[in-house]
Amino acid sequence: AINFMGCYAAFNGLKVADAFCKANPLARVLVVCTEICT
């Protein structure tokens, strides 16, 4: 879980996914960004 980092947090999600895939070539990573701002 990546929480409370604001508008740039998707990049951190992608960085973590990238690291998982480089550590395990069989990894399939689902990154889900959900924001209910209103």
PDB file of all heavy atoms in Angstrom:
ATOM      1  N   ALA A   1       0.848  -1.199   0.000  1.00  0.00           N
ATOM      2  CA  ALA A   1       0.000   0.000   0.000  1.00  0.00           C
ATOM      3  C   ALA A   1       0.879   1.243   0.000  1.00  0.00           C
ATOM      4  O   ALA A   1       1.797   1.371   0.821  1.00  0.00           O
ATOM      5  CB  ALA A   1      -0.920   0.007   1.220  1.00  0.00           C
ATOM      6  N   ILE A   2       0.605   2.159  -0.934  1.00  0.00           N
ATOM      7  CA  ILE A   2       1.299   3.439  -1.021  1.00  0.00           C
ATOM      8  C   ILE A   2       0.270   4.511  -0.716  1.00  0.00           C
ATOM      9  O   ILE A   2      -0.646   4.745  -1.503  1.00  0.00           O
ATOM     10  CB  ILE A   2       1.919   3.636  -2.413  1.00  0.00           C
ATOM     11  CG1 ILE A   2       3.002   2.573  -2.657  1.00  0.00           C
ATOM     12  CG2 ILE A   2       2.500   5.035  -2.567  1.00  0.00           C
ATOM     13  CD1 ILE A   2       3.579   2.579  -4.054  1.00  0.00           C
ATOM     14  N   ASN A   3       0.404   5.145   0.427  1.00  0.00           N
ATOM     15  CA  ASN A   3      -0.627   6.061   0.894  1.00  0.00           C
ATOM     16  C   ASN A   3      -0.108   7.472   1.116  1.00  0.00           C
ATOM     17  O   ASN A   3       1.042   7.682   1.492  1.00  0.00           O
ATOM     18  CB  ASN A   3      -1.241   5.555   2.210  1.00  0.00           C
ATOM     19  CG  ASN A   3      -1.953   4.232   2.044  1.00  0.00           C
ATOM     20  OD1 ASN A   3      -1.573   3.241   2.647  1.00  0.00           O
ATOM     21  ND2 ASN A   3      -2.981   4.194   1.221  1.00  0.00           N
ATOM     22  N   PHE A   4      -0.972   8.437   0.870  1.00  0.00           N
ATOM     23  CA  PHE A   4      -0.821   9.830   1.280  1.00  0.00           C
ATOM     24  C   PHE A   4       0.383  10.532   0.667  1.00  0.00           C
ATOM     25  O   PHE A   4       0.987  11.407   1.269  1.00  0.00           O
ATOM     26  CB  PHE A   4      -0.762   9.923   2.819  1.00  0.00           C
ATOM     27  CG  PHE A   4      -1.539  11.105   3.344  1.00  0.00           C
ATOM     28  CD1 PHE A   4      -2.908  11.158   3.215  1.00  0.00           C
ATOM     29  CD2 PHE A   4      -0.901  12.164   3.955  1.00  0.00           C
ATOM     30  CE1 PHE A   4      -3.624  12.249   3.678  1.00  0.00           C
ATOM     31  CE2 PHE A   4      -1.605  13.257   4.433  1.00  0.00           C
ATOM     32  CZ  PHE A   4      -2.980  13.300   4.287  1.00  0.00           C
ATOM     33  N   MET A   5       0.727  10.167  -0.553  1.00  0.00           N
ATOM     34  CA  MET A   5       1.836  10.825  -1.233  1.00  0.00           C
ATOM     35  C   MET A   5       1.364  11.850  -2.250  1.00  0.00           C
ATOM     36  O   MET A   5       2.158  12.610  -2.798  1.00  0.00           O
ATOM     37  CB  MET A   5       2.751   9.796  -1.900  1.00  0.00           C
ATOM     38  CG  MET A   5       3.367   8.821  -0.921  1.00  0.00           C
ATOM     39  SD  MET A   5       4.681   7.810  -1.643  1.00  0.00           S
ATOM     40  CE  MET A   5       6.051   8.969  -1.577  1.00  0.00           C
ATOM     41  N   GLY A   6       0.070  11.873  -2.552  1.00  0.00           N
ATOM     42  CA  GLY A   6      -0.462  12.903  -3.427  1.00  0.00           C
ATOM     43  C   GLY A   6      -0.416  12.551  -4.897  1.00  0.00           C
ATOM     44  O   GLY A   6      -0.370  11.381  -5.288  1.00  0.00           O
ATOM     45  N   CYS A   7      -0.383  13.588  -5.732  1.00  0.00           N
ATOM     46  CA  CYS A   7      -0.600  13.435  -7.167  1.00  0.00           C
ATOM     47  C   CYS A   7       0.512  12.671  -7.887  1.00  0.00           C
ATOM     48  O   CYS A   7       0.292  12.172  -8.991  1.00  0.00           O
ATOM     49  CB  CYS A   7      -0.775  14.812  -7.812  1.00  0.00           C
ATOM     50  SG  CYS A   7      -2.249  15.708  -7.254  1.00  0.00           S
ATOM     51  N   TYR A   8       1.703  12.588  -7.310  1.00  0.00           N
ATOM     52  CA  TYR A   8       2.796  11.905  -7.992  1.00  0.00           C
ATOM     53  C   TYR A   8       2.911  10.441  -7.596  1.00  0.00           C
ATOM     54  O   TYR A   8       3.793   9.719  -8.080  1.00  0.00           O
ATOM     55  CB  TYR A   8       4.134  12.604  -7.696  1.00  0.00           C
ATOM     56  CG  TYR A   8       4.576  12.530  -6.253  1.00  0.00           C
ATOM     57  CD1 TYR A   8       5.387  11.483  -5.798  1.00  0.00           C
ATOM     58  CD2 TYR A   8       4.209  13.504  -5.326  1.00  0.00           C
ATOM     59  CE1 TYR A   8       5.798  11.418  -4.475  1.00  0.00           C
ATOM     60  CE2 TYR A   8       4.616  13.443  -4.011  1.00  0.00           C
ATOM     61  CZ  TYR A   8       5.411  12.399  -3.585  1.00  0.00           C
ATOM     62  OH  TYR A   8       5.807  12.328  -2.276  1.00  0.00           O
ATOM     63  N   ALA A   9       2.011   9.945  -6.747  1.00  0.00           N
ATOM     64  CA  ALA A   9       2.174   8.622  -6.144  1.00  0.00           C
ATOM     65  C   ALA A   9       2.111   7.480  -7.148  1.00  0.00           C
ATOM     66  O   ALA A   9       2.664   6.401  -6.900  1.00  0.00           O
ATOM     67  CB  ALA A   9       1.122   8.417  -5.050  1.00  0.00           C
ATOM     68  N   ALA A  10       1.446   7.681  -8.301  1.00  0.00           N
ATOM     69  CA  ALA A  10       1.422   6.614  -9.304  1.00  0.00           C
ATOM     70  C   ALA A  10       2.838   6.249  -9.741  1.00  0.00           C
ATOM     71  O   ALA A  10       3.121   5.083 -10.038  1.00  0.00           O
ATOM     72  CB  ALA A  10       0.591   7.040 -10.508  1.00  0.00           C
ATOM     73  N   PHE A  11       3.732   7.243  -9.779  1.00  0.00           N
ATOM     74  CA  PHE A  11       5.117   6.972 -10.152  1.00  0.00           C
ATOM     75  C   PHE A  11       5.774   6.023  -9.149  1.00  0.00           C
ATOM     76  O   PHE A  11       6.532   5.133  -9.528  1.00  0.00           O
ATOM     77  CB  PHE A  11       5.909   8.276 -10.234  1.00  0.00           C
ATOM     78  CG  PHE A  11       5.723   9.009 -11.532  1.00  0.00           C
ATOM     79  CD1 PHE A  11       4.479   9.473 -11.922  1.00  0.00           C
ATOM     80  CD2 PHE A  11       6.795   9.239 -12.375  1.00  0.00           C
ATOM     81  CE1 PHE A  11       4.305  10.151 -13.113  1.00  0.00           C
ATOM     82  CE2 PHE A  11       6.634   9.919 -13.579  1.00  0.00           C
ATOM     83  CZ  PHE A  11       5.369  10.373 -13.952  1.00  0.00           C
ATOM     84  N   ASN A  12       5.472   6.206  -7.866  1.00  0.00           N
ATOM     85  CA  ASN A  12       6.030   5.315  -6.861  1.00  0.00           C
ATOM     86  C   ASN A  12       5.455   3.911  -6.993  1.00  0.00           C
ATOM     87  O   ASN A  12       6.160   2.915  -6.807  1.00  0.00           O
ATOM     88  CB  ASN A  12       5.771   5.885  -5.467  1.00  0.00           C
ATOM     89  CG  ASN A  12       6.617   7.096  -5.185  1.00  0.00           C
ATOM     90  OD1 ASN A  12       7.803   6.999  -4.911  1.00  0.00           O
ATOM     91  ND2 ASN A  12       6.013   8.273  -5.292  1.00  0.00           N
ATOM     92  N   GLY A  13       4.174   3.823  -7.334  1.00  0.00           N
ATOM     93  CA  GLY A  13       3.584   2.516  -7.589  1.00  0.00           C
ATOM     94  C   GLY A  13       4.260   1.819  -8.752  1.00  0.00           C
ATOM     95  O   GLY A  13       4.555   0.616  -8.704  1.00  0.00           O
ATOM     96  N   LEU A  14       4.534   2.564  -9.829  1.00  0.00           N
ATOM     97  CA  LEU A  14       5.202   1.987 -10.995  1.00  0.00           C
ATOM     98  C   LEU A  14       6.654   1.609 -10.685  1.00  0.00           C
ATOM     99  O   LEU A  14       7.161   0.600 -11.190  1.00  0.00           O
ATOM    100  CB  LEU A  14       5.147   2.964 -12.162  1.00  0.00           C
ATOM    101  CG  LEU A  14       3.754   3.222 -12.748  1.00  0.00           C
ATOM    102  CD1 LEU A  14       3.808   4.324 -13.803  1.00  0.00           C
ATOM    103  CD2 LEU A  14       3.154   1.948 -13.334  1.00  0.00           C
ATOM    104  N   LYS A  15       7.322   2.411  -9.867  1.00  0.00           N
ATOM    105  CA  LYS A  15       8.699   2.072  -9.475  1.00  0.00           C
ATOM    106  C   LYS A  15       8.744   0.764  -8.696  1.00  0.00           C
ATOM    107  O   LYS A  15       9.631  -0.076  -8.913  1.00  0.00           O
ATOM    108  CB  LYS A  15       9.295   3.192  -8.620  1.00  0.00           C
ATOM    109  CG  LYS A  15       9.632   4.466  -9.359  1.00  0.00           C
ATOM    110  CD  LYS A  15      10.152   5.501  -8.357  1.00  0.00           C
ATOM    111  CE  LYS A  15      10.321   6.863  -8.975  1.00  0.00           C
ATOM    112  NZ  LYS A  15      10.756   7.873  -7.985  1.00  0.00           N
ATOM    113  N   VAL A  16       7.804   0.597  -7.771  1.00  0.00           N
ATOM    114  CA  VAL A  16       7.757  -0.640  -6.989  1.00  0.00           C
ATOM    115  C   VAL A  16       7.447  -1.821  -7.908  1.00  0.00           C
ATOM    116  O   VAL A  16       8.065  -2.891  -7.805  1.00  0.00           O
ATOM    117  CB  VAL A  16       6.717  -0.523  -5.853  1.00  0.00           C
ATOM    118  CG1 VAL A  16       6.549  -1.860  -5.142  1.00  0.00           C
ATOM    119  CG2 VAL A  16       7.133   0.552  -4.858  1.00  0.00           C
ATOM    120  N   ALA A  17       6.501  -1.641  -8.827  1.00  0.00           N
ATOM    121  CA  ALA A  17       6.173  -2.701  -9.776  1.00  0.00           C
ATOM    122  C   ALA A  17       7.382  -3.058 -10.634  1.00  0.00           C
ATOM    123  O   ALA A  17       7.655  -4.240 -10.894  1.00  0.00           O
ATOM    124  CB  ALA A  17       5.009  -2.257 -10.657  1.00  0.00           C
ATOM    125  N   ASP A  18       8.107  -2.041 -11.073  1.00  0.00           N
ATOM    126  CA  ASP A  18       9.315  -2.250 -11.870  1.00  0.00           C
ATOM    127  C   ASP A  18      10.336  -3.074 -11.092  1.00  0.00           C
ATOM    128  O   ASP A  18      10.946  -4.011 -11.635  1.00  0.00           O
ATOM    129  CB  ASP A  18       9.889  -0.886 -12.249  1.00  0.00           C
ATOM    130  CG  ASP A  18      11.137  -0.977 -13.100  1.00  0.00           C
ATOM    131  OD1 ASP A  18      11.099  -1.646 -14.148  1.00  0.00           O
ATOM    132  OD2 ASP A  18      12.159  -0.368 -12.725  1.00  0.00           O
ATOM    133  N   ALA A  19      10.501  -2.762  -9.819  1.00  0.00           N
ATOM    134  CA  ALA A  19      11.460  -3.503  -8.986  1.00  0.00           C
ATOM    135  C   ALA A  19      11.023  -4.958  -8.804  1.00  0.00           C
ATOM    136  O   ALA A  19      11.859  -5.878  -8.862  1.00  0.00           O
ATOM    137  CB  ALA A  19      11.598  -2.823  -7.625  1.00  0.00           C
ATOM    138  N   PHE A  20       9.733  -5.188  -8.596  1.00  0.00           N
ATOM    139  CA  PHE A  20       9.233  -6.555  -8.458  1.00  0.00           C
ATOM    140  C   PHE A  20       9.510  -7.358  -9.731  1.00  0.00           C
ATOM    141  O   PHE A  20       9.929  -8.522  -9.666  1.00  0.00           O
ATOM    142  CB  PHE A  20       7.725  -6.550  -8.183  1.00  0.00           C
ATOM    143  CG  PHE A  20       7.342  -6.163  -6.781  1.00  0.00           C
ATOM    144  CD1 PHE A  20       6.140  -5.512  -6.537  1.00  0.00           C
ATOM    145  CD2 PHE A  20       8.161  -6.444  -5.701  1.00  0.00           C
ATOM    146  CE1 PHE A  20       5.765  -5.153  -5.251  1.00  0.00           C
ATOM    147  CE2 PHE A  20       7.802  -6.083  -4.402  1.00  0.00           C
ATOM    148  CZ  PHE A  20       6.598  -5.440  -4.182  1.00  0.00           C
ATOM    149  N   CYS A  21       9.271  -6.754 -10.878  1.00  0.00           N
ATOM    150  CA  CYS A  21       9.457  -7.460 -12.151  1.00  0.00           C
ATOM    151  C   CYS A  21      10.931  -7.744 -12.435  1.00  0.00           C
ATOM    152  O   CYS A  21      11.270  -8.791 -13.002  1.00  0.00           O
ATOM    153  CB  CYS A  21       8.847  -6.651 -13.291  1.00  0.00           C
ATOM    154  SG  CYS A  21       7.040  -6.588 -13.249  1.00  0.00           S
ATOM    155  N   LYS A  22      11.796  -6.828 -12.036  1.00  0.00           N
ATOM    156  CA  LYS A  22      13.224  -7.060 -12.235  1.00  0.00           C
ATOM    157  C   LYS A  22      13.760  -8.134 -11.288  1.00  0.00           C
ATOM    158  O   LYS A  22      14.710  -8.843 -11.609  1.00  0.00           O
ATOM    159  CB  LYS A  22      13.996  -5.749 -12.048  1.00  0.00           C
ATOM    160  CG  LYS A  22      13.787  -4.782 -13.210  1.00  0.00           C
ATOM    161  CD  LYS A  22      14.476  -3.453 -12.991  1.00  0.00           C
ATOM    162  CE  LYS A  22      14.296  -2.551 -14.207  1.00  0.00           C
ATOM    163  NZ  LYS A  22      14.865  -1.201 -13.986  1.00  0.00           N
ATOM    164  N   ALA A  23      13.132  -8.284 -10.126  1.00  0.00           N
ATOM    165  CA  ALA A  23      13.548  -9.308  -9.166  1.00  0.00           C
ATOM    166  C   ALA A  23      12.989 -10.673  -9.537  1.00  0.00           C
ATOM    167  O   ALA A  23      13.591 -11.701  -9.219  1.00  0.00           O
ATOM    168  CB  ALA A  23      13.084  -8.933  -7.764  1.00  0.00           C
ATOM    169  N   ASN A  24      11.820 -10.682 -10.227  1.00  0.00           N
ATOM    170  CA  ASN A  24      11.172 -11.945 -10.578  1.00  0.00           C
ATOM    171  C   ASN A  24      10.577 -11.809 -11.978  1.00  0.00           C
ATOM    172  O   ASN A  24       9.540 -11.171 -12.153  1.00  0.00           O
ATOM    173  CB  ASN A  24      10.075 -12.283  -9.570  1.00  0.00           C
ATOM    174  CG  ASN A  24       9.317 -13.543  -9.946  1.00  0.00           C
ATOM    175  OD1 ASN A  24       9.680 -14.248 -10.887  1.00  0.00           O
ATOM    176  ND2 ASN A  24       8.260 -13.823  -9.212  1.00  0.00           N
ATOM    177  N   PRO A  25      11.202 -12.394 -12.987  1.00  0.00           N
ATOM    178  CA  PRO A  25      10.720 -12.253 -14.367  1.00  0.00           C
ATOM    179  C   PRO A  25       9.295 -12.770 -14.585  1.00  0.00           C
ATOM    180  O   PRO A  25       8.670 -12.444 -15.596  1.00  0.00           O
ATOM    181  CB  PRO A  25      11.731 -13.078 -15.175  1.00  0.00           C
ATOM    182  CG  PRO A  25      12.942 -13.174 -14.316  1.00  0.00           C
ATOM    183  CD  PRO A  25      12.452 -13.181 -12.907  1.00  0.00           C
ATOM    184  N   LEU A  26       8.797 -13.581 -13.661  1.00  0.00           N
ATOM    185  CA  LEU A  26       7.446 -14.125 -13.790  1.00  0.00           C
ATOM    186  C   LEU A  26       6.399 -13.284 -13.078  1.00  0.00           C
ATOM    187  O   LEU A  26       5.206 -13.620 -13.088  1.00  0.00           O
ATOM    188  CB  LEU A  26       7.407 -15.564 -13.250  1.00  0.00           C
ATOM    189  CG  LEU A  26       8.333 -16.568 -13.952  1.00  0.00           C
ATOM    190  CD1 LEU A  26       8.198 -17.947 -13.308  1.00  0.00           C
ATOM    191  CD2 LEU A  26       8.036 -16.641 -15.446  1.00  0.00           C
ATOM    192  N   ALA A  27       6.828 -12.198 -12.470  1.00  0.00           N
ATOM    193  CA  ALA A  27       5.893 -11.356 -11.717  1.00  0.00           C
ATOM    194  C   ALA A  27       4.877 -10.700 -12.647  1.00  0.00           C
ATOM    195  O   ALA A  27       5.209 -10.254 -13.751  1.00  0.00           O
ATOM    196  CB  ALA A  27       6.659 -10.290 -10.941  1.00  0.00           C
ATOM    197  N   ARG A  28       3.639 -10.645 -12.170  1.00  0.00           N
ATOM    198  CA  ARG A  28       2.574  -9.886 -12.825  1.00  0.00           C
ATOM    199  C   ARG A  28       1.994  -8.966 -11.766  1.00  0.00           C
ATOM    200  O   ARG A  28       1.390  -9.421 -10.799  1.00  0.00           O
ATOM    201  CB  ARG A  28       1.501 -10.799 -13.397  1.00  0.00           C
ATOM    202  CG  ARG A  28       1.830 -11.331 -14.774  1.00  0.00           C
ATOM    203  CD  ARG A  28       0.723 -12.170 -15.342  1.00  0.00           C
ATOM    204  NE  ARG A  28       0.958 -12.426 -16.759  1.00  0.00           N
ATOM    205  CZ  ARG A  28       0.351 -13.376 -17.457  1.00  0.00           C
ATOM    206  NH1 ARG A  28      -0.546 -14.153 -16.869  1.00  0.00           N
ATOM    207  NH2 ARG A  28       0.619 -13.533 -18.735  1.00  0.00           N
ATOM    208  N   VAL A  29       2.206  -7.672 -11.954  1.00  0.00           N
ATOM    209  CA  VAL A  29       1.913  -6.701 -10.899  1.00  0.00           C
ATOM    210  C   VAL A  29       0.730  -5.831 -11.318  1.00  0.00           C
ATOM    211  O   VAL A  29       0.735  -5.241 -12.398  1.00  0.00           O
ATOM    212  CB  VAL A  29       3.134  -5.807 -10.607  1.00  0.00           C
ATOM    213  CG1 VAL A  29       2.866  -4.919  -9.398  1.00  0.00           C
ATOM    214  CG2 VAL A  29       4.386  -6.665 -10.388  1.00  0.00           C
ATOM    215  N   LEU A  30      -0.246  -5.747 -10.438  1.00  0.00           N
ATOM    216  CA  LEU A  30      -1.402  -4.892 -10.657  1.00  0.00           C
ATOM    217  C   LEU A  30      -1.264  -3.674  -9.751  1.00  0.00           C
ATOM    218  O   LEU A  30      -1.188  -3.804  -8.524  1.00  0.00           O
ATOM    219  CB  LEU A  30      -2.684  -5.657 -10.325  1.00  0.00           C
ATOM    220  CG  LEU A  30      -4.021  -5.096 -10.818  1.00  0.00           C
ATOM    221  CD1 LEU A  30      -4.033  -4.926 -12.330  1.00  0.00           C
ATOM    222  CD2 LEU A  30      -5.154  -6.006 -10.364  1.00  0.00           C
ATOM    223  N   VAL A  31      -1.181  -2.487 -10.362  1.00  0.00           N
ATOM    224  CA  VAL A  31      -1.110  -1.226  -9.620  1.00  0.00           C
ATOM    225  C   VAL A  31      -2.464  -0.546  -9.739  1.00  0.00           C
ATOM    226  O   VAL A  31      -2.948  -0.321 -10.849  1.00  0.00           O
ATOM    227  CB  VAL A  31      -0.008  -0.303 -10.185  1.00  0.00           C
ATOM    228  CG1 VAL A  31       0.076   0.988  -9.356  1.00  0.00           C
ATOM    229  CG2 VAL A  31       1.345  -1.012 -10.217  1.00  0.00           C
ATOM    230  N   VAL A  32      -3.086  -0.218  -8.593  1.00  0.00           N
ATOM    231  CA  VAL A  32      -4.420   0.377  -8.593  1.00  0.00           C
ATOM    232  C   VAL A  32      -4.382   1.700  -7.835  1.00  0.00           C
ATOM    233  O   VAL A  32      -4.105   1.728  -6.630  1.00  0.00           O
ATOM    234  CB  VAL A  32      -5.451  -0.566  -7.945  1.00  0.00           C
ATOM    235  CG1 VAL A  32      -6.852   0.034  -8.065  1.00  0.00           C
ATOM    236  CG2 VAL A  32      -5.411  -1.949  -8.592  1.00  0.00           C
ATOM    237  N   CYS A  33      -4.636   2.796  -8.556  1.00  0.00           N
ATOM    238  CA  CYS A  33      -4.698   4.129  -7.943  1.00  0.00           C
ATOM    239  C   CYS A  33      -6.168   4.534  -7.835  1.00  0.00           C
ATOM    240  O   CYS A  33      -6.852   4.647  -8.858  1.00  0.00           O
ATOM    241  CB  CYS A  33      -3.951   5.149  -8.792  1.00  0.00           C
ATOM    242  SG  CYS A  33      -2.181   4.841  -8.959  1.00  0.00           S
ATOM    243  N   THR A  34      -6.639   4.758  -6.623  1.00  0.00           N
ATOM    244  CA  THR A  34      -8.037   5.098  -6.396  1.00  0.00           C
ATOM    245  C   THR A  34      -8.113   6.359  -5.555  1.00  0.00           C
ATOM    246  O   THR A  34      -7.609   6.394  -4.426  1.00  0.00           O
ATOM    247  CB  THR A  34      -8.773   3.953  -5.682  1.00  0.00           C
ATOM    248  OG1 THR A  34      -8.661   2.765  -6.472  1.00  0.00           O
ATOM    249  CG2 THR A  34     -10.241   4.289  -5.465  1.00  0.00           C
ATOM    250  N   GLU A  35      -8.740   7.391  -6.106  1.00  0.00           N
ATOM    251  CA  GLU A  35      -8.812   8.670  -5.410  1.00  0.00           C
ATOM    252  C   GLU A  35     -10.242   9.213  -5.424  1.00  0.00           C
ATOM    253  O   GLU A  35     -10.860   9.343  -6.489  1.00  0.00           O
ATOM    254  CB  GLU A  35      -7.875   9.690  -6.061  1.00  0.00           C
ATOM    255  CG  GLU A  35      -6.413   9.264  -6.127  1.00  0.00           C
ATOM    256  CD  GLU A  35      -5.707   9.212  -4.774  1.00  0.00           C
ATOM    257  OE1 GLU A  35      -6.381   9.354  -3.729  1.00  0.00           O
ATOM    258  OE2 GLU A  35      -4.474   9.036  -4.778  1.00  0.00           O
ATOM    259  N   ILE A  36     -10.749   9.489  -4.238  1.00  0.00           N
ATOM    260  CA  ILE A  36     -12.078  10.071  -4.090  1.00  0.00           C
ATOM    261  C   ILE A  36     -11.888  11.442  -3.444  1.00  0.00           C
ATOM    262  O   ILE A  36     -12.020  11.633  -2.235  1.00  0.00           O
ATOM    263  CB  ILE A  36     -12.988   9.143  -3.268  1.00  0.00           C
ATOM    264  CG1 ILE A  36     -13.049   7.766  -3.939  1.00  0.00           C
ATOM    265  CG2 ILE A  36     -14.395   9.730  -3.161  1.00  0.00           C
ATOM    266  CD1 ILE A  36     -13.904   6.749  -3.227  1.00  0.00           C
ATOM    267  N   CYS A  37     -11.536  12.392  -4.272  1.00  0.00           N
ATOM    268  CA  CYS A  37     -11.128  13.719  -3.807  1.00  0.00           C
ATOM    269  C   CYS A  37     -12.302  14.569  -3.339  1.00  0.00           C
ATOM    270  O   CYS A  37     -12.160  15.392  -2.423  1.00  0.00           O
ATOM    271  CB  CYS A  37     -10.392  14.452  -4.928  1.00  0.00           C
ATOM    272  SG  CYS A  37      -8.971  13.577  -5.616  1.00  0.00           S
ATOM    273  N   THR A  38     -13.462  14.401  -3.972  1.00  0.00           N
ATOM    274  CA  THR A  38     -14.546  15.361  -3.749  1.00  0.00           C
ATOM    275  C   THR A  38     -15.194  15.250  -2.378  1.00  0.00           C
ATOM    276  O   THR A  38     -15.922  16.159  -1.977  1.00  0.00           O
ATOM    277  CB  THR A  38     -15.641  15.219  -4.833  1.00  0.00           C
ATOM    278  OG1 THR A  38     -16.228  13.905  -4.759  1.00  0.00           O
ATOM    279  CG2 THR A  38     -15.052  15.444  -6.220  1.00  0.00           C
TER     280      THR A  38
END
